[in-house]
C-alpha atoms as a PDB file:
ATOM      1  CA  MET A   1      -0.001   0.021   0.084  1.00  0.00           C
ATOM      2  CA  ARG A   2       1.471   3.393  -0.917  1.00  0.00           C
ATOM      3  CA  SER A   3       1.708   6.274   1.364  1.00  0.00           C
ATOM      4  CA  LEU A   4      -1.052   8.711   0.671  1.00  0.00           C
ATOM      5  CA  LEU A   5      -1.577  12.370   1.357  1.00  0.00           C
ATOM      6  CA  ILE A   6      -5.019  13.587   0.444  1.00  0.00           C
ATOM      7  CA  SER A   7      -6.644  16.840   0.866  1.00  0.00           C
ATOM      8  CA  VAL A   8     -10.510  16.661   0.847  1.00  0.00           C
ATOM      9  CA  ALA A   9     -12.425  19.819   0.575  1.00  0.00           C
ATOM     10  CA  LEU A  10     -16.145  19.735   0.804  1.00  0.00           C
ATOM     11  CA  VAL A  11     -17.514  22.741  -1.070  1.00  0.00           C
ATOM     12  CA  ILE A  12     -20.465  24.322   0.576  1.00  0.00           C
ATOM     13  CA  PRO A  13     -23.091  25.551  -1.872  1.00  0.00           C
ATOM     14  CA  GLU A  14     -23.494  28.789   0.137  1.00  0.00           C
ATOM     15  CA  ILE A  15     -19.889  29.712  -0.632  1.00  0.00           C
ATOM     16  CA  CYS A  16     -20.106  29.225  -4.418  1.00  0.00           C
ATOM     17  CA  ALA A  17     -23.772  29.986  -5.150  1.00  0.00           C
ATOM     18  CA  ALA A  18     -24.395  32.945  -7.320  1.00  0.00           C
ATOM     19  CA  GLN A  19     -26.888  35.346  -6.065  1.00  0.00           C
ATOM     20  CA  THR A  20     -29.274  37.090  -8.694  1.00  0.00           C
ATOM     21  CA  VAL A  21     -29.701  40.161  -6.571  1.00  0.00           C
ATOM     22  CA  PRO A  22     -26.781  41.064  -4.433  1.00  0.00           C
ATOM     23  CA  ALA A  23     -27.747  41.805  -0.769  1.00  0.00           C
ATOM     24  CA  PRO A  24     -26.354  44.769   1.069  1.00  0.00           C
ATOM     25  CA  GLY A  25     -22.851  44.013   2.324  1.00  0.00           C
ATOM     26  CA  ALA A  26     -22.647  40.814   0.013  1.00  0.00           C
ATOM     27  CA  ALA A  27     -19.236  41.932  -1.284  1.00  0.00           C
ATOM     28  CA  SER A  28     -17.776  42.061   2.292  1.00  0.00           C
ATOM     29  CA  ALA A  29     -19.372  38.677   3.149  1.00  0.00           C
ATOM     30  CA  TYR A  30     -17.760  37.110   0.110  1.00  0.00           C
ATOM     31  CA  MET A  31     -14.345  38.613   0.935  1.00  0.00           C
ATOM     32  CA  ASP A  32     -14.697  37.193   4.460  1.00  0.00           C
ATOM     33  CA  ARG A  33     -15.299  33.750   3.054  1.00  0.00           C
ATOM     34  CA  TYR A  34     -12.438  34.231   0.683  1.00  0.00           C
ATOM     35  CA  ARG A  35     -10.017  35.158   3.372  1.00  0.00           C
ATOM     36  CA  GLU A  36     -11.199  32.079   5.450  1.00  0.00           C
ATOM     37  CA  LEU A  37     -10.495  29.865   2.473  1.00  0.00           C
ATOM     38  CA  GLN A  38      -7.034  31.454   2.067  1.00  0.00           C
ATOM     39  CA  SER A  39      -6.156  30.636   5.707  1.00  0.00           C
ATOM     40  CA  LEU A  40      -7.328  27.070   5.801  1.00  0.00           C
ATOM     41  CA  ALA A  41      -5.115  25.178   8.211  1.00  0.00           C
ATOM     42  CA  PRO A  42      -5.506  22.143  10.639  1.00  0.00           C
ATOM     43  CA  VAL A  43      -7.343  22.865  13.838  1.00  0.00           C
ATOM     44  CA  PRO A  44      -5.260  21.924  16.918  1.00  0.00           C
ATOM     45  CA  GLY A  45      -7.079  19.150  18.768  1.00  0.00           C
ATOM     46  CA  LYS A  46      -9.211  18.062  15.829  1.00  0.00           C
ATOM     47  CA  VAL A  47      -7.331  15.018  14.717  1.00  0.00           C
ATOM     48  CA  ALA A  48      -8.713  11.529  14.405  1.00  0.00           C
ATOM     49  CA  GLU A  49      -6.803   8.290  14.183  1.00  0.00           C
ATOM     50  CA  VAL A  50      -8.182   6.399  11.092  1.00  0.00           C
ATOM     51  CA  ASP A  51      -8.042   2.564  10.630  1.00  0.00           C
ATOM     52  CA  HIS A  52      -9.809   0.886   7.530  1.00  0.00           C
ATOM     53  CA  LEU A  53     -12.298   3.755   6.844  1.00  0.00           C
ATOM     54  CA  VAL A  54     -13.938   3.336   3.389  1.00  0.00           C
ATOM     55  CA  LEU A  55     -15.735   6.203   1.865  1.00  0.00           C
ATOM     56  CA  THR A  56     -17.835   5.372  -1.285  1.00  0.00           C
ATOM     57  CA  ARG A  57     -19.495   8.022  -3.562  1.00  0.00           C
ATOM     58  CA  ASP A  58     -21.183   6.688  -6.821  1.00  0.00           C
ATOM     59  CA  VAL A  59     -18.440   4.783  -8.606  1.00  0.00           C
ATOM     60  CA  ALA A  60     -15.482   6.047  -6.635  1.00  0.00           C
ATOM     61  CA  GLN A  61     -14.092   4.522  -3.391  1.00  0.00           C
ATOM     62  CA  LEU A  62     -11.541   6.131  -1.029  1.00  0.00           C
ATOM     63  CA  THR A  63     -10.065   3.670   1.486  1.00  0.00           C
ATOM     64  CA  LEU A  64      -8.145   5.238   4.344  1.00  0.00           C
ATOM     65  CA  GLU A  65      -6.114   2.190   5.827  1.00  0.00           C
ATOM     66  CA  HIS A  66      -4.189   3.753   8.601  1.00  0.00           C
ATOM     67  CA  GLY A  67      -3.270   7.333   9.401  1.00  0.00           C
ATOM     68  CA  GLN A  68      -4.545  10.636  10.851  1.00  0.00           C
ATOM     69  CA  LEU A  69      -7.335  12.868   9.610  1.00  0.00           C
ATOM     70  CA  TYR A  70      -6.878  16.451  10.362  1.00  0.00           C
ATOM     71  CA  PHE A  71     -10.013  18.686  10.288  1.00  0.00           C
ATOM     72  CA  LEU A  72      -9.271  22.115   8.700  1.00  0.00           C
ATOM     73  CA  SER A  73     -10.391  25.524  10.137  1.00  0.00           C
ATOM     74  CA  PRO A  74     -14.165  26.403   9.461  1.00  0.00           C
ATOM     75  CA  VAL A  75     -15.399  28.557   6.604  1.00  0.00           C
ATOM     76  CA  GLY A  76     -18.568  30.387   7.412  1.00  0.00           C
ATOM     77  CA  GLY A  77     -18.807  28.592  10.608  1.00  0.00           C
ATOM     78  CA  ARG A  78     -18.788  25.136   9.083  1.00  0.00           C
ATOM     79  CA  THR A  79     -16.028  22.496   8.648  1.00  0.00           C
ATOM     80  CA  VAL A  80     -15.385  22.212   4.911  1.00  0.00           C
ATOM     81  CA  GLY A  81     -12.245  20.196   4.733  1.00  0.00           C
ATOM     82  CA  ALA A  82      -9.879  17.642   5.977  1.00  0.00           C
ATOM     83  CA  VAL A  83      -6.362  16.352   5.299  1.00  0.00           C
ATOM     84  CA  PHE A  84      -5.578  12.659   5.651  1.00  0.00           C
ATOM     85  CA  ARG A  85      -1.859  11.651   6.179  1.00  0.00           C
ATOM     86  CA  GLY A  86      -1.300   7.965   6.036  1.00  0.00           C
ATOM     87  CA  SER A  87      -1.762   5.014   3.751  1.00  0.00           C
ATOM     88  CA  GLY A  88      -4.734   4.267   1.602  1.00  0.00           C
ATOM     89  CA  ALA A  89      -6.084   3.703  -1.925  1.00  0.00           C
ATOM     90  CA  PHE A  90      -8.450   5.347  -4.206  1.00  0.00           C
ATOM     91  CA  SER A  91     -10.438   3.432  -6.931  1.00  0.00           C
ATOM     92  CA  PHE A  92     -12.700   4.724  -9.648  1.00  0.00           C
ATOM     93  CA  ALA A  93     -14.647   2.356 -11.892  1.00  0.00           C
ATOM     94  CA  PRO A  94     -17.090   4.309 -14.284  1.00  0.00           C
ATOM     95  CA  PRO A  95     -19.652   2.378 -16.069  1.00  0.00           C
ATOM     96  CA  VAL A  96     -18.816   1.394 -19.671  1.00  0.00           C
ATOM     97  CA  PRO A  97     -21.465   2.925 -22.049  1.00  0.00           C
END
């Protein structure tokens, strides 16, 4: 099994959603989120030991065999990402048309 360093970012729809009518102060709110994204970093104390965790989404499978999962600083008050440091594998098997 190869050593694996994966950065997983979960994009929150509120961050990327386009507004049809900008609300007052919307530009400053977007800049606040942008600054939070620029300063993403592991949160001290928010580390999980991982053994044989399998994450499946559609036809993709991410297997985190052994390592540490570091949660990143929040954006807009929500955790949007994590970094895994350890060994694991990724498989992707799209259907053949």
